Amino acid sequence: MLLDACAEHTGADEPRTLSLLRGDEPYKHHWRPEPVVNQRLLLARRRTAPLMGAVVCDVAARRRGKVLVRKWRERGGDGP
């Protein structure tokens, strides 16, 4: 039923996109969804726990780097 109702959204003359994943598109409000925070649980064994920690730190550093570059560009810095 969900796909059938959502297909009506994409059935118009102009090409459209339908996303059933993340997002706050108006056509998803028909079912009155309840917003929840997306969380992930990472599981590791003792031998792989240090590697998992390194990956988590790498992701956090890249995310922080993107924020800093964005702020720097907004202040008028030169882009690559």
PDB file of N, CA and C in Angstrom:
ATOM      1  N   MET A   1       0.818  -1.182   0.000  1.00  0.00           N
ATOM      2  CA  MET A   1       0.000   0.000   0.000  1.00  0.00           C
ATOM      3  C   MET A   1       0.864   1.249   0.000  1.00  0.00           C
ATOM      4  N   LEU A   2       1.961   1.205   0.743  1.00  0.00           N
ATOM      5  CA  LEU A   2       2.849   2.359   0.810  1.00  0.00           C
ATOM      6  C   LEU A   2       3.424   2.684  -0.560  1.00  0.00           C
ATOM      7  N   LEU A   3       3.928   1.673  -1.239  1.00  0.00           N
ATOM      8  CA  LEU A   3       4.512   1.901  -2.562  1.00  0.00           C
ATOM      9  C   LEU A   3       3.461   2.373  -3.560  1.00  0.00           C
ATOM     10  N   ASP A   4       2.256   1.841  -3.474  1.00  0.00           N
ATOM     11  CA  ASP A   4       1.202   2.254  -4.389  1.00  0.00           C
ATOM     12  C   ASP A   4       0.854   3.724  -4.177  1.00  0.00           C
ATOM     13  N   ALA A   5       0.735   4.135  -2.922  1.00  0.00           N
ATOM     14  CA  ALA A   5       0.402   5.534  -2.627  1.00  0.00           C
ATOM     15  C   ALA A   5       1.544   6.459  -3.036  1.00  0.00           C
ATOM     16  N   CYS A   6       2.767   6.031  -2.808  1.00  0.00           N
ATOM     17  CA  CYS A   6       3.916   6.863  -3.164  1.00  0.00           C
ATOM     18  C   CYS A   6       4.120   6.914  -4.669  1.00  0.00           C
ATOM     19  N   ALA A   7       3.716   5.873  -5.380  1.00  0.00           N
ATOM     20  CA  ALA A   7       3.851   5.865  -6.836  1.00  0.00           C
ATOM     21  C   ALA A   7       2.994   6.955  -7.459  1.00  0.00           C
ATOM     22  N   GLU A   8       1.881   7.302  -6.824  1.00  0.00           N
ATOM     23  CA  GLU A   8       1.056   8.391  -7.329  1.00  0.00           C
ATOM     24  C   GLU A   8       1.836   9.699  -7.322  1.00  0.00           C
ATOM     25  N   HIS A   9       2.722   9.862  -6.354  1.00  0.00           N
ATOM     26  CA  HIS A   9       3.542  11.073  -6.263  1.00  0.00           C
ATOM     27  C   HIS A   9       4.467  11.184  -7.478  1.00  0.00           C
ATOM     28  N   THR A  10       4.978  10.070  -7.954  1.00  0.00           N
ATOM     29  CA  THR A  10       5.924  10.093  -9.071  1.00  0.00           C
ATOM     30  C   THR A  10       5.236   9.922 -10.414  1.00  0.00           C
ATOM     31  N   GLY A  11       3.938   9.763 -10.442  1.00  0.00           N
ATOM     32  CA  GLY A  11       3.240   9.485 -11.686  1.00  0.00           C
ATOM     33  C   GLY A  11       2.864  10.711 -12.503  1.00  0.00           C
ATOM     34  N   ALA A  12       3.284  11.893 -12.102  1.00  0.00           N
ATOM     35  CA  ALA A  12       2.933  13.109 -12.837  1.00  0.00           C
ATOM     36  C   ALA A  12       3.716  13.193 -14.147  1.00  0.00           C
ATOM     37  N   ASP A  13       3.445  14.242 -14.916  1.00  0.00           N
ATOM     38  CA  ASP A  13       4.086  14.402 -16.225  1.00  0.00           C
ATOM     39  C   ASP A  13       5.590  14.636 -16.121  1.00  0.00           C
ATOM     40  N   GLU A  14       6.003  15.512 -15.195  1.00  0.00           N
ATOM     41  CA  GLU A  14       7.436  15.785 -15.095  1.00  0.00           C
ATOM     42  C   GLU A  14       8.116  14.707 -14.256  1.00  0.00           C
ATOM     43  N   PRO A  15       9.386  14.433 -14.519  1.00  0.00           N
ATOM     44  CA  PRO A  15      10.091  13.404 -13.745  1.00  0.00           C
ATOM     45  C   PRO A  15      10.283  13.859 -12.296  1.00  0.00           C
ATOM     46  N   ARG A  16      10.060  12.959 -11.373  1.00  0.00           N
ATOM     47  CA  ARG A  16      10.216  13.230  -9.950  1.00  0.00           C
ATOM     48  C   ARG A  16      11.007  12.104  -9.309  1.00  0.00           C
ATOM     49  N   THR A  17      11.389  12.341  -8.069  1.00  0.00           N
ATOM     50  CA  THR A  17      12.145  11.351  -7.315  1.00  0.00           C
ATOM     51  C   THR A  17      11.362  10.970  -6.074  1.00  0.00           C
ATOM     52  N   LEU A  18      11.371   9.712  -5.745  1.00  0.00           N
ATOM     53  CA  LEU A  18      10.697   9.214  -4.554  1.00  0.00           C
ATOM     54  C   LEU A  18      11.744   8.600  -3.637  1.00  0.00           C
ATOM     55  N   SER A  19      11.815   9.089  -2.408  1.00  0.00           N
ATOM     56  CA  SER A  19      12.751   8.551  -1.436  1.00  0.00           C
ATOM     57  C   SER A  19      11.966   8.026  -0.245  1.00  0.00           C
ATOM     58  N   LEU A  20      12.104   6.757   0.050  1.00  0.00           N
ATOM     59  CA  LEU A  20      11.444   6.181   1.214  1.00  0.00           C
ATOM     60  C   LEU A  20      12.395   6.116   2.411  1.00  0.00           C
ATOM     61  N   LEU A  21      13.538   6.725   2.260  1.00  0.00           N
ATOM     62  CA  LEU A  21      14.512   6.717   3.342  1.00  0.00           C
ATOM     63  C   LEU A  21      14.416   8.010   4.140  1.00  0.00           C
ATOM     64  N   ARG A  22      15.548   8.608   4.438  1.00  0.00           N
ATOM     65  CA  ARG A  22      15.568   9.819   5.242  1.00  0.00           C
ATOM     66  C   ARG A  22      14.974  10.992   4.493  1.00  0.00           C
ATOM     67  N   GLY A  23      14.549  11.984   5.255  1.00  0.00           N
ATOM     68  CA  GLY A  23      14.056  13.201   4.654  1.00  0.00           C
ATOM     69  C   GLY A  23      12.712  13.595   5.223  1.00  0.00           C
ATOM     70  N   ASP A  24      12.382  14.846   5.032  1.00  0.00           N
ATOM     71  CA  ASP A  24      11.143  15.387   5.575  1.00  0.00           C
ATOM     72  C   ASP A  24      10.268  15.897   4.431  1.00  0.00           C
ATOM     73  N   GLU A  25      10.106  15.097   3.398  1.00  0.00           N
ATOM     74  CA  GLU A  25       9.307  15.506   2.254  1.00  0.00           C
ATOM     75  C   GLU A  25       7.825  15.505   2.633  1.00  0.00           C
ATOM     76  N   PRO A  26       7.072  16.462   2.086  1.00  0.00           N
ATOM     77  CA  PRO A  26       5.654  16.591   2.449  1.00  0.00           C
ATOM     78  C   PRO A  26       4.822  15.343   2.169  1.00  0.00           C
ATOM     79  N   TYR A  27       5.129  14.590   1.113  1.00  0.00           N
ATOM     80  CA  TYR A  27       4.304  13.431   0.795  1.00  0.00           C
ATOM     81  C   TYR A  27       4.451  12.311   1.817  1.00  0.00           C
ATOM     82  N   LYS A  28       5.454  12.395   2.686  1.00  0.00           N
ATOM     83  CA  LYS A  28       5.632  11.389   3.729  1.00  0.00           C
ATOM     84  C   LYS A  28       4.794  11.699   4.966  1.00  0.00           C
ATOM     85  N   HIS A  29       4.237  12.898   5.047  1.00  0.00           N
ATOM     86  CA  HIS A  29       3.475  13.303   6.228  1.00  0.00           C
ATOM     87  C   HIS A  29       2.065  12.700   6.238  1.00  0.00           C
ATOM     88  N   HIS A  30       1.648  12.109   5.136  1.00  0.00           N
ATOM     89  CA  HIS A  30       0.311  11.521   5.041  1.00  0.00           C
ATOM     90  C   HIS A  30       0.080  10.463   6.127  1.00  0.00           C
ATOM     91  N   TRP A  31       1.132   9.733   6.473  1.00  0.00           N
ATOM     92  CA  TRP A  31       1.010   8.649   7.459  1.00  0.00           C
ATOM     93  C   TRP A  31       1.323   9.120   8.877  1.00  0.00           C
ATOM     94  N   ARG A  32       1.490  10.417   9.060  1.00  0.00           N
ATOM     95  CA  ARG A  32       1.826  11.018  10.353  1.00  0.00           C
ATOM     96  C   ARG A  32       2.988  10.275  11.020  1.00  0.00           C
ATOM     97  N   PRO A  33       4.159  10.303  10.415  1.00  0.00           N
ATOM     98  CA  PRO A  33       5.296   9.570  10.981  1.00  0.00           C
ATOM     99  C   PRO A  33       5.764  10.194  12.295  1.00  0.00           C
ATOM    100  N   GLU A  34       6.336   9.366  13.123  1.00  0.00           N
ATOM    101  CA  GLU A  34       6.885   9.823  14.392  1.00  0.00           C
ATOM    102  C   GLU A  34       8.397   9.944  14.239  1.00  0.00           C
ATOM    103  N   PRO A  35       8.947  11.157  14.335  1.00  0.00           N
ATOM    104  CA  PRO A  35      10.393  11.329  14.158  1.00  0.00           C
ATOM    105  C   PRO A  35      11.177  10.609  15.254  1.00  0.00           C
ATOM    106  N   VAL A  36      12.226   9.924  14.859  1.00  0.00           N
ATOM    107  CA  VAL A  36      13.130   9.264  15.798  1.00  0.00           C
ATOM    108  C   VAL A  36      14.556   9.539  15.371  1.00  0.00           C
ATOM    109  N   VAL A  37      15.465   9.497  16.321  1.00  0.00           N
ATOM    110  CA  VAL A  37      16.873   9.722  16.041  1.00  0.00           C
ATOM    111  C   VAL A  37      17.484   8.433  15.505  1.00  0.00           C
ATOM    112  N   ASN A  38      18.233   8.546  14.420  1.00  0.00           N
ATOM    113  CA  ASN A  38      18.899   7.390  13.840  1.00  0.00           C
ATOM    114  C   ASN A  38      20.161   7.093  14.644  1.00  0.00           C
ATOM    115  N   GLN A  39      20.309   5.860  15.094  1.00  0.00           N
ATOM    116  CA  GLN A  39      21.471   5.470  15.874  1.00  0.00           C
ATOM    117  C   GLN A  39      22.055   4.189  15.310  1.00  0.00           C
ATOM    118  N   ARG A  40      23.359   4.031  15.513  1.00  0.00           N
ATOM    119  CA  ARG A  40      24.032   2.809  15.085  1.00  0.00           C
ATOM    120  C   ARG A  40      24.758   2.205  16.264  1.00  0.00           C
ATOM    121  N   LEU A  41      24.774   0.900  16.302  1.00  0.00           N
ATOM    122  CA  LEU A  41      25.489   0.172  17.337  1.00  0.00           C
ATOM    123  C   LEU A  41      26.589  -0.622  16.640  1.00  0.00           C
ATOM    124  N   LEU A  42      27.829  -0.310  16.994  1.00  0.00           N
ATOM    125  CA  LEU A  42      28.965  -1.004  16.388  1.00  0.00           C
ATOM    126  C   LEU A  42      29.442  -2.096  17.341  1.00  0.00           C
ATOM    127  N   LEU A  43      29.518  -3.305  16.826  1.00  0.00           N
ATOM    128  CA  LEU A  43      29.957  -4.434  17.634  1.00  0.00           C
ATOM    129  C   LEU A  43      31.334  -4.876  17.168  1.00  0.00           C
ATOM    130  N   ALA A  44      32.198  -5.197  18.121  1.00  0.00           N
ATOM    131  CA  ALA A  44      33.545  -5.643  17.766  1.00  0.00           C
ATOM    132  C   ALA A  44      34.033  -6.641  18.813  1.00  0.00           C
ATOM    133  N   ARG A  45      34.909  -7.514  18.374  1.00  0.00           N
ATOM    134  CA  ARG A  45      35.568  -8.426  19.307  1.00  0.00           C
ATOM    135  C   ARG A  45      36.787  -7.709  19.886  1.00  0.00           C
ATOM    136  N   ARG A  46      37.392  -8.319  20.887  1.00  0.00           N
ATOM    137  CA  ARG A  46      38.545  -7.681  21.539  1.00  0.00           C
ATOM    138  C   ARG A  46      39.674  -7.379  20.552  1.00  0.00           C
ATOM    139  N   ARG A  47      39.901  -8.280  19.624  1.00  0.00           N
ATOM    140  CA  ARG A  47      40.997  -8.070  18.668  1.00  0.00           C
ATOM    141  C   ARG A  47      40.699  -6.959  17.676  1.00  0.00           C
ATOM    142  N   THR A  48      39.441  -6.784  17.318  1.00  0.00           N
ATOM    143  CA  THR A  48      39.097  -5.771  16.315  1.00  0.00           C
ATOM    144  C   THR A  48      38.625  -4.455  16.928  1.00  0.00           C
ATOM    145  N   ALA A  49      38.469  -4.398  18.244  1.00  0.00           N
ATOM    146  CA  ALA A  49      37.997  -3.171  18.894  1.00  0.00           C
ATOM    147  C   ALA A  49      38.918  -1.974  18.632  1.00  0.00           C
ATOM    148  N   PRO A  50      40.252  -2.129  18.705  1.00  0.00           N
ATOM    149  CA  PRO A  50      41.110  -0.977  18.396  1.00  0.00           C
ATOM    150  C   PRO A  50      40.943  -0.478  16.954  1.00  0.00           C
ATOM    151  N   LEU A  51      40.763  -1.395  16.031  1.00  0.00           N
ATOM    152  CA  LEU A  51      40.548  -0.997  14.639  1.00  0.00           C
ATOM    153  C   LEU A  51      39.215  -0.264  14.482  1.00  0.00           C
ATOM    154  N   MET A  52      38.202  -0.751  15.164  1.00  0.00           N
ATOM    155  CA  MET A  52      36.897  -0.089  15.121  1.00  0.00           C
ATOM    156  C   MET A  52      36.999   1.310  15.705  1.00  0.00           C
ATOM    157  N   GLY A  53      37.740   1.452  16.796  1.00  0.00           N
ATOM    158  CA  GLY A  53      37.938   2.772  17.396  1.00  0.00           C
ATOM    159  C   GLY A  53      38.652   3.718  16.455  1.00  0.00           C
ATOM    160  N   ALA A  54      39.640   3.194  15.717  1.00  0.00           N
ATOM    161  CA  ALA A  54      40.365   4.026  14.748  1.00  0.00           C
ATOM    162  C   ALA A  54      39.440   4.487  13.630  1.00  0.00           C
ATOM    163  N   VAL A  55      38.573   3.628  13.177  1.00  0.00           N
ATOM    164  CA  VAL A  55      37.629   3.991  12.125  1.00  0.00           C
ATOM    165  C   VAL A  55      36.662   5.067  12.624  1.00  0.00           C
ATOM    166  N   VAL A  56      36.167   4.908  13.830  1.00  0.00           N
ATOM    167  CA  VAL A  56      35.247   5.892  14.400  1.00  0.00           C
ATOM    168  C   VAL A  56      35.943   7.252  14.529  1.00  0.00           C
ATOM    169  N   CYS A  57      37.193   7.259  14.988  1.00  0.00           N
ATOM    170  CA  CYS A  57      37.950   8.516  15.101  1.00  0.00           C
ATOM    171  C   CYS A  57      38.189   9.138  13.732  1.00  0.00           C
ATOM    172  N   ASP A  58      38.480   8.309  12.731  1.00  0.00           N
ATOM    173  CA  ASP A  58      38.693   8.805  11.371  1.00  0.00           C
ATOM    174  C   ASP A  58      37.432   9.478  10.835  1.00  0.00           C
ATOM    175  N   VAL A  59      36.299   8.854  11.048  1.00  0.00           N
ATOM    176  CA  VAL A  59      35.026   9.427  10.587  1.00  0.00           C
ATOM    177  C   VAL A  59      34.753  10.747  11.294  1.00  0.00           C
ATOM    178  N   ALA A  60      34.985  10.791  12.593  1.00  0.00           N
ATOM    179  CA  ALA A  60      34.758  12.029  13.351  1.00  0.00           C
ATOM    180  C   ALA A  60      35.693  13.138  12.870  1.00  0.00           C
ATOM    181  N   ALA A  61      36.952  12.805  12.604  1.00  0.00           N
ATOM    182  CA  ALA A  61      37.907  13.814  12.130  1.00  0.00           C
ATOM    183  C   ALA A  61      37.517  14.338  10.751  1.00  0.00           C
ATOM    184  N   ARG A  62      37.090  13.451   9.867  1.00  0.00           N
ATOM    185  CA  ARG A  62      36.665  13.900   8.531  1.00  0.00           C
ATOM    186  C   ARG A  62      35.433  14.793   8.624  1.00  0.00           C
ATOM    187  N   ARG A  63      34.497  14.417   9.469  1.00  0.00           N
ATOM    188  CA  ARG A  63      33.283  15.226   9.646  1.00  0.00           C
ATOM    189  C   ARG A  63      33.643  16.609  10.169  1.00  0.00           C
ATOM    190  N   ARG A  64      34.526  16.667  11.171  1.00  0.00           N
ATOM    191  CA  ARG A  64      34.959  17.950  11.729  1.00  0.00           C
ATOM    192  C   ARG A  64      35.716  18.767  10.672  1.00  0.00           C
ATOM    193  N   GLY A  65      36.523  18.100   9.866  1.00  0.00           N
ATOM    194  CA  GLY A  65      37.250  18.787   8.796  1.00  0.00           C
ATOM    195  C   GLY A  65      36.302  19.427   7.789  1.00  0.00           C
ATOM    196  N   LYS A  66      35.246  18.729   7.438  1.00  0.00           N
ATOM    197  CA  LYS A  66      34.267  19.284   6.500  1.00  0.00           C
ATOM    198  C   LYS A  66      33.607  20.531   7.060  1.00  0.00           C
ATOM    199  N   VAL A  67      33.288  20.494   8.359  1.00  0.00           N
ATOM    200  CA  VAL A  67      32.674  21.656   9.002  1.00  0.00           C
ATOM    201  C   VAL A  67      33.638  22.838   8.976  1.00  0.00           C
ATOM    202  N   LEU A  68      34.907  22.602   9.295  1.00  0.00           N
ATOM    203  CA  LEU A  68      35.897  23.677   9.304  1.00  0.00           C
ATOM    204  C   LEU A  68      36.108  24.261   7.913  1.00  0.00           C
ATOM    205  N   VAL A  69      36.179  23.414   6.898  1.00  0.00           N
ATOM    206  CA  VAL A  69      36.352  23.898   5.524  1.00  0.00           C
ATOM    207  C   VAL A  69      35.144  24.719   5.103  1.00  0.00           C
ATOM    208  N   ARG A  70      33.943  24.282   5.442  1.00  0.00           N
ATOM    209  CA  ARG A  70      32.726  25.012   5.097  1.00  0.00           C
ATOM    210  C   ARG A  70      32.733  26.399   5.749  1.00  0.00           C
ATOM    211  N   LYS A  71      33.091  26.457   7.033  1.00  0.00           N
ATOM    212  CA  LYS A  71      33.149  27.751   7.725  1.00  0.00           C
ATOM    213  C   LYS A  71      34.215  28.643   7.109  1.00  0.00           C
ATOM    214  N   TRP A  72      35.351  28.074   6.748  1.00  0.00           N
ATOM    215  CA  TRP A  72      36.442  28.837   6.156  1.00  0.00           C
ATOM    216  C   TRP A  72      36.013  29.433   4.816  1.00  0.00           C
ATOM    217  N   ARG A  73      35.313  28.646   4.007  1.00  0.00           N
ATOM    218  CA  ARG A  73      34.843  29.144   2.712  1.00  0.00           C
ATOM    219  C   ARG A  73      33.782  30.223   2.866  1.00  0.00           C
ATOM    220  N   GLU A  74      32.920  30.081   3.883  1.00  0.00           N
ATOM    221  CA  GLU A  74      31.891  31.099   4.130  1.00  0.00           C
ATOM    222  C   GLU A  74      32.523  32.432   4.525  1.00  0.00           C
ATOM    223  N   ARG A  75      33.684  32.393   5.128  1.00  0.00           N
ATOM    224  CA  ARG A  75      34.386  33.621   5.534  1.00  0.00           C
ATOM    225  C   ARG A  75      35.161  34.237   4.380  1.00  0.00           C
ATOM    226  N   GLY A  76      35.165  33.587   3.241  1.00  0.00           N
ATOM    227  CA  GLY A  76      35.844  34.148   2.069  1.00  0.00           C
ATOM    228  C   GLY A  76      37.152  33.495   1.723  1.00  0.00           C
ATOM    229  N   GLY A  77      37.409  32.318   2.263  1.00  0.00           N
ATOM    230  CA  GLY A  77      38.639  31.612   1.929  1.00  0.00           C
ATOM    231  C   GLY A  77      38.620  31.111   0.503  1.00  0.00           C
ATOM    232  N   ASP A  78      39.787  30.862  -0.057  1.00  0.00           N
ATOM    233  CA  ASP A  78      39.879  30.343  -1.426  1.00  0.00           C
ATOM    234  C   ASP A  78      39.521  28.862  -1.434  1.00  0.00           C
ATOM    235  N   GLY A  79      38.751  28.468  -2.426  1.00  0.00           N
ATOM    236  CA  GLY A  79      38.389  27.063  -2.581  1.00  0.00           C
ATOM    237  C   GLY A  79      39.403  26.330  -3.428  1.00  0.00           C
ATOM    238  N   PRO A  80      39.391  24.996  -3.388  1.00  0.00           N
ATOM    239  CA  PRO A  80      40.341  24.218  -4.203  1.00  0.00           C
ATOM    240  C   PRO A  80      40.022  24.311  -5.657  1.00  0.00           C
TER     241      PRO A  80
END
